[in-house]
Protein backbone atom coordinates (compact mmCIF):
# COMPACT_ATOMS: atom_id res chain seq x y z
CA MET A 1 24.73 -6.26 -9.84
CA GLY A 2 24.58 -5.94 -6.05
CA THR A 3 21.43 -5.63 -3.97
CA LEU A 4 21.63 -1.83 -3.90
CA GLY A 5 22.14 -1.68 -7.67
CA LYS A 6 19.14 -3.93 -8.29
CA ARG A 7 17.08 -1.87 -5.87
CA LEU A 8 18.00 1.40 -7.58
CA ALA A 9 17.40 0.00 -11.08
CA SER A 10 13.99 -1.42 -10.16
CA SER A 11 13.08 1.79 -8.33
CA ALA A 12 14.07 3.98 -11.29
CA PHE A 13 11.91 1.88 -13.60
CA LEU A 14 8.91 2.06 -11.28
CA ILE A 15 9.36 5.81 -10.69
CA SER A 16 9.33 6.44 -14.46
CA ILE A 17 6.15 4.41 -14.89
CA THR A 18 4.55 6.16 -11.92
CA ILE A 19 5.23 9.71 -13.14
CA PHE A 20 4.07 8.90 -16.66
CA THR A 21 0.92 7.19 -15.41
CA ILE A 22 -0.04 9.99 -13.02
CA PHE A 23 0.55 13.03 -15.20
CA PHE A 24 0.64 12.01 -18.86
CA ALA A 25 -1.26 8.77 -19.44
CA PRO A 26 -5.02 8.66 -20.14
CA GLU A 27 -7.27 8.04 -17.14
CA TRP A 28 -7.99 4.47 -18.21
CA VAL A 29 -4.27 3.68 -18.15
CA PHE A 30 -4.02 5.01 -14.59
CA PHE A 31 -7.02 2.86 -13.66
CA LEU A 32 -5.50 -0.28 -15.18
CA VAL A 33 -2.11 0.29 -13.51
CA VAL A 34 -3.69 0.78 -10.08
CA LEU A 35 -5.97 -2.20 -10.64
CA SER A 36 -3.05 -4.39 -11.74
CA PHE A 37 -0.94 -3.49 -8.71
CA SER A 38 -3.82 -4.15 -6.32
CA VAL A 39 -4.69 -7.53 -7.87
CA LEU A 40 -1.05 -8.64 -7.91
CA ALA A 41 -0.69 -7.59 -4.26
CA LEU A 42 -3.87 -9.50 -3.39
CA ASN A 43 -2.59 -12.60 -5.17
CA GLU A 44 0.68 -12.41 -3.20
CA PHE A 45 -1.29 -12.04 0.03
CA PHE A 46 -3.32 -15.15 -0.78
CA ILE A 47 -0.11 -17.08 -1.54
CA LEU A 48 1.26 -16.05 1.86
CA ALA A 49 -1.98 -17.11 3.57
CA GLN A 50 -1.88 -20.51 1.84
CA LYS A 51 1.58 -21.11 3.31
CA LYS A 52 -0.25 -21.35 6.65
CA ASP A 53 -2.47 -24.08 5.14
CA ILE A 54 -5.45 -21.73 5.09
CA VAL A 55 -8.06 -22.58 2.47
CA ILE A 56 -8.40 -19.61 0.12
CA ASN A 57 -10.55 -19.37 -3.00
CA ARG A 58 -8.03 -17.21 -4.81
CA TYR A 59 -10.08 -16.71 -7.97
CA LEU A 60 -13.18 -15.68 -6.05
CA GLY A 61 -11.14 -13.24 -4.00
CA ILE A 62 -9.46 -11.74 -7.07
CA PHE A 63 -12.85 -11.40 -8.81
CA PHE A 64 -14.17 -9.28 -5.96
CA GLY A 65 -10.90 -7.35 -5.80
CA ILE A 66 -11.46 -6.36 -9.43
CA ALA A 67 -15.13 -5.61 -8.75
CA LEU A 68 -14.06 -3.26 -5.96
CA ALA A 69 -12.02 -1.19 -8.41
CA PHE A 70 -15.08 -0.54 -10.58
CA SER A 71 -17.30 0.07 -7.56
CA MET A 72 -15.10 2.98 -6.45
CA PHE A 73 -16.63 5.14 -9.18
CA PHE A 74 -20.16 4.56 -7.82
CA SER A 75 -19.43 4.54 -4.07
CA ALA A 76 -20.68 0.96 -4.06
CA GLU A 77 -17.79 -0.61 -2.16
CA ALA A 78 -20.07 -1.67 0.72
CA VAL A 79 -22.28 -3.61 -1.71
CA VAL A 80 -19.28 -5.40 -3.23
CA LEU A 81 -17.77 -6.24 0.16
CA ALA A 82 -21.09 -7.53 1.50
CA THR A 83 -21.57 -9.65 -1.62
CA ALA A 84 -18.00 -10.92 -1.32
CA CYS A 85 -18.62 -11.92 2.29
CA LEU A 86 -21.75 -13.83 1.28
CA ALA A 87 -20.00 -15.55 -1.64
CA ILE A 88 -17.06 -16.59 0.53
CA PHE A 89 -19.42 -18.05 3.11
CA ILE A 90 -21.18 -20.02 0.37
CA PHE A 91 -17.82 -21.30 -0.86
CA ASN A 92 -17.15 -22.62 2.64
CA PHE A 93 -20.51 -24.42 2.85
CA HIS A 94 -18.72 -27.44 1.40
CA ARG A 95 -18.58 -30.19 4.03
CA SER A 96 -14.84 -30.76 3.65
CA LEU A 97 -14.08 -27.08 4.39
CA ARG A 98 -16.18 -26.63 7.51
CA GLY A 99 -13.19 -27.14 9.78
CA GLN A 100 -11.58 -24.00 8.35
CA ALA A 101 -14.69 -21.91 7.70
CA LEU A 102 -13.93 -19.14 10.19
CA ILE A 103 -10.29 -18.59 9.26
CA SER A 104 -10.97 -19.02 5.53
CA VAL A 105 -13.75 -16.43 5.42
CA ALA A 106 -11.82 -14.02 7.64
CA MET A 107 -8.53 -14.23 5.73
CA THR A 108 -10.07 -14.07 2.26
CA LEU A 109 -12.17 -11.02 3.12
CA PHE A 110 -9.30 -9.38 4.98
CA GLY A 111 -7.05 -9.84 1.95
CA ILE A 112 -9.59 -8.11 -0.29
CA ILE A 113 -9.86 -5.18 2.11
CA TYR A 114 -6.15 -4.92 2.97
CA ALA A 115 -4.48 -5.47 -0.40
CA CYS A 116 -7.20 -4.07 -2.70
CA TRP A 117 -9.70 -1.74 -1.09
CA PHE A 118 -7.20 0.36 0.85
CA PHE A 119 -4.87 0.77 -2.14
CA LEU A 120 -7.74 1.42 -4.57
CA HIS A 121 -8.47 4.67 -2.73
CA LEU A 122 -5.76 6.00 -5.02
CA LEU A 123 -8.49 6.12 -7.69
CA LYS A 124 -10.61 8.30 -5.41
CA ILE A 125 -7.71 10.67 -4.75
CA LYS A 126 -7.08 10.98 -8.50
CA SER A 127 -10.73 11.96 -9.04
CA LEU A 128 -10.43 14.96 -6.69
CA PRO A 129 -9.60 18.46 -8.00
CA HIS A 130 -5.90 18.40 -8.91
CA GLY A 131 -5.93 14.81 -7.81
CA ASP A 132 -2.86 14.01 -9.89
CA PHE A 133 -0.77 16.25 -7.65
CA TRP A 134 -2.18 14.62 -4.51
CA VAL A 135 -1.44 11.14 -5.87
CA PHE A 136 2.11 12.23 -6.63
CA TYR A 137 2.41 13.84 -3.19
CA THR A 138 1.28 10.69 -1.39
CA ILE A 139 3.60 8.37 -3.28
CA LEU A 140 6.53 10.81 -3.05
CA LEU A 141 6.23 11.14 0.72
CA VAL A 142 5.78 7.46 1.44
CA LYS A 143 8.43 6.09 -0.91
CA GLY A 144 10.77 8.97 -0.11
CA GLY A 145 10.37 8.08 3.56
CA ASP A 146 11.12 4.44 2.70
CA ALA A 147 14.31 5.52 0.96
CA GLY A 148 15.29 7.73 3.89
CA ALA A 149 14.76 4.88 6.34
CA TYR A 150 16.76 2.47 4.15
CA PHE A 151 19.82 4.67 3.65
CA VAL A 152 19.92 6.12 7.18
CA GLY A 153 19.44 2.64 8.61
CA LYS A 154 22.24 1.24 6.44
CA LYS A 155 24.62 4.01 7.46
CA PHE A 156 23.78 4.64 11.10
CA GLY A 157 21.45 1.84 12.23
CA LYS A 158 22.51 0.24 15.50
CA ILE A 159 19.44 0.05 17.73
CA LYS A 160 16.93 -2.56 16.58
CA LEU A 161 13.39 -1.24 16.15
CA MET A 162 11.37 -4.47 16.43
CA GLU A 163 13.75 -7.34 15.82
CA HIS A 164 11.06 -9.97 16.37
CA ILE A 165 9.14 -8.54 13.39
CA SER A 166 11.82 -7.14 11.08
CA PRO A 167 15.45 -7.81 12.07
CA ASN A 168 16.92 -5.24 9.66
CA LYS A 169 14.89 -2.22 10.78
CA SER A 170 16.51 0.17 13.21
CA VAL A 171 15.39 3.09 15.37
CA GLU A 172 17.83 5.33 13.48
CA GLY A 173 16.33 4.23 10.16
CA ALA A 174 12.80 4.86 11.42
CA CYS A 175 13.77 8.38 12.55
CA GLY A 176 15.47 9.03 9.20
CA GLY A 177 12.39 7.88 7.31
CA PHE A 178 10.09 10.00 9.46
CA LEU A 179 12.21 13.14 9.00
CA ALA A 180 12.48 12.53 5.25
CA THR A 181 8.67 12.29 5.02
CA VAL A 182 8.10 15.52 6.95
CA ILE A 183 10.75 17.40 4.93
CA LEU A 184 9.32 16.15 1.64
CA SER A 185 5.84 17.23 2.75
CA LEU A 186 6.98 20.74 3.64
CA GLY A 187 8.98 20.90 0.40
CA SER A 188 5.84 20.01 -1.55
CA LYS A 189 4.76 23.62 -1.01
CA VAL A 190 6.63 24.18 -4.30
CA TYR A 191 3.82 22.55 -6.31
CA LEU A 192 1.03 22.57 -3.71
CA TYR A 193 1.55 26.30 -3.34
CA SER A 194 -2.00 27.14 -2.18
CA ILE A 195 -2.01 24.55 0.60
CA PRO A 196 -1.45 26.09 4.07
CA ILE A 197 1.81 24.95 5.60
CA PHE A 198 0.06 23.48 8.67
CA HIS A 199 -1.78 20.99 6.41
CA LEU A 200 1.53 19.89 4.91
CA LEU A 201 3.13 19.65 8.35
CA TRP A 202 0.36 17.50 9.82
CA LEU A 203 0.12 15.30 6.73
CA GLY A 204 3.89 14.83 6.79
CA ILE A 205 3.86 13.83 10.46
CA LEU A 206 0.93 11.46 10.13
CA LEU A 207 2.13 9.85 6.90
CA GLY A 208 5.57 9.49 8.43
CA VAL A 209 4.04 7.37 11.18
CA LEU A 210 1.41 5.48 9.15
CA SER A 211 3.79 4.47 6.37
CA GLN A 212 6.18 2.81 8.82
CA LEU A 213 3.31 1.07 10.61
CA GLY A 214 2.18 -0.26 7.23
CA ASP A 215 5.67 -1.54 6.53
CA LEU A 216 5.84 -3.27 9.91
CA ALA A 217 2.36 -4.75 9.44
CA GLU A 218 3.39 -6.49 6.24
CA SER A 219 6.67 -7.59 7.84
CA LEU A 220 4.62 -9.17 10.62
CA ILE A 221 2.64 -11.18 8.04
CA LYS A 222 5.81 -12.35 6.28
CA ARG A 223 7.48 -13.27 9.56
CA ASP A 224 4.42 -15.31 10.54
CA VAL A 225 4.58 -17.38 7.34
CA GLY A 226 8.39 -17.56 7.32
CA VAL A 227 9.31 -15.70 4.13
CA LYS A 228 11.60 -12.74 3.50
CA ASP A 229 9.83 -11.26 0.46
CA SER A 230 6.32 -11.52 -0.95
CA GLY A 231 7.62 -11.81 -4.55
CA GLN A 232 10.63 -11.85 -6.85
CA ILE A 233 11.18 -8.28 -8.14
CA PRO A 234 14.98 -7.72 -8.11
CA GLY A 235 16.03 -5.67 -5.08
CA LEU A 236 12.47 -4.89 -4.00
CA GLY A 237 10.80 -8.20 -3.20
CA GLY A 238 7.21 -8.42 -4.36
CA ILE A 239 4.36 -6.07 -5.23
CA LEU A 240 3.05 -6.31 -1.68
CA ASP A 241 6.52 -5.33 -0.42
CA ILE A 242 6.42 -2.25 -2.65
CA LEU A 243 2.91 -1.22 -1.60
CA ASP A 244 3.05 -2.10 2.11
CA SER A 245 3.88 1.40 3.35
CA LEU A 246 1.29 2.93 1.00
CA ILE A 247 -1.62 0.68 1.91
CA LEU A 248 -2.46 2.36 5.22
CA THR A 249 -1.60 5.90 4.12
CA ILE A 250 -3.64 6.19 0.91
CA PRO A 251 -7.10 5.94 2.55
CA PHE A 252 -5.97 8.39 5.23
CA VAL A 253 -4.92 10.99 2.64
CA TYR A 254 -8.23 10.65 0.81
CA TYR A 255 -10.40 11.07 3.91
CA TYR A 256 -8.20 13.89 5.17
CA LEU A 257 -8.72 15.76 1.91
CA ILE A 258 -12.49 15.33 1.79
CA THR A 259 -12.85 16.12 5.51
CA PHE A 260 -10.69 19.23 5.86
CA HIS A 261 -10.96 20.46 2.25
CA PRO A 262 -7.56 22.14 1.96
CA PRO A 263 -7.60 24.62 -0.95
CA VAL A 264 -6.64 23.25 -4.37
CA PRO A 265 -3.02 23.77 -5.48
């Protein structure tokens, strides 16, 4: 099976799991799926960081990543992050680690925030009125934009977007992904029928930009450590590769919804 076939097969499998988990599975299943994805992404991030010879206490970081998931229900994320910071500092009190204390604390805490906390806002979105539709909307727009960028880039891509970060990304692909995101957002009026069209337009525009910035951000990390993919999922890379464009968009959607209070679907 070629790369495209593997990509489509893996995507179809993940799409099926996603739809079932959002709309049909019990809440605890949704929680476990989101938690699993965030922990796996965090683990991949720590593996990437260790390729730069950075000292990471992976188990301590994963423990606090899991703790963050439970803290989301009590709005206690600040307590968990502060405790994590303290614990990571204590870990680095060891004499042999003092030469890497700054970078070790910074990278471990950043990994928890980047790979776990941002993505775990999906739990907060799900808890909102008709949150299942908003979760579906967010994933549809971001991954639909990814697909648009991939296929348009493959067909028409000639001008490199940022070759020093991601050699395969093109300006044409970025434009295709952006337009796909905006169109999918406007088309979501079909099931978000009470949402004013200007909310869908602005969300589409902003997610179209943020999702591609998230993709480039993870590409920058991989380029720095000299790897192509963060994992080994056929056609898709790793979990962090799958979530990269979602990581920056999910918190934005949540805070947009609780700030502007668009009417429920």
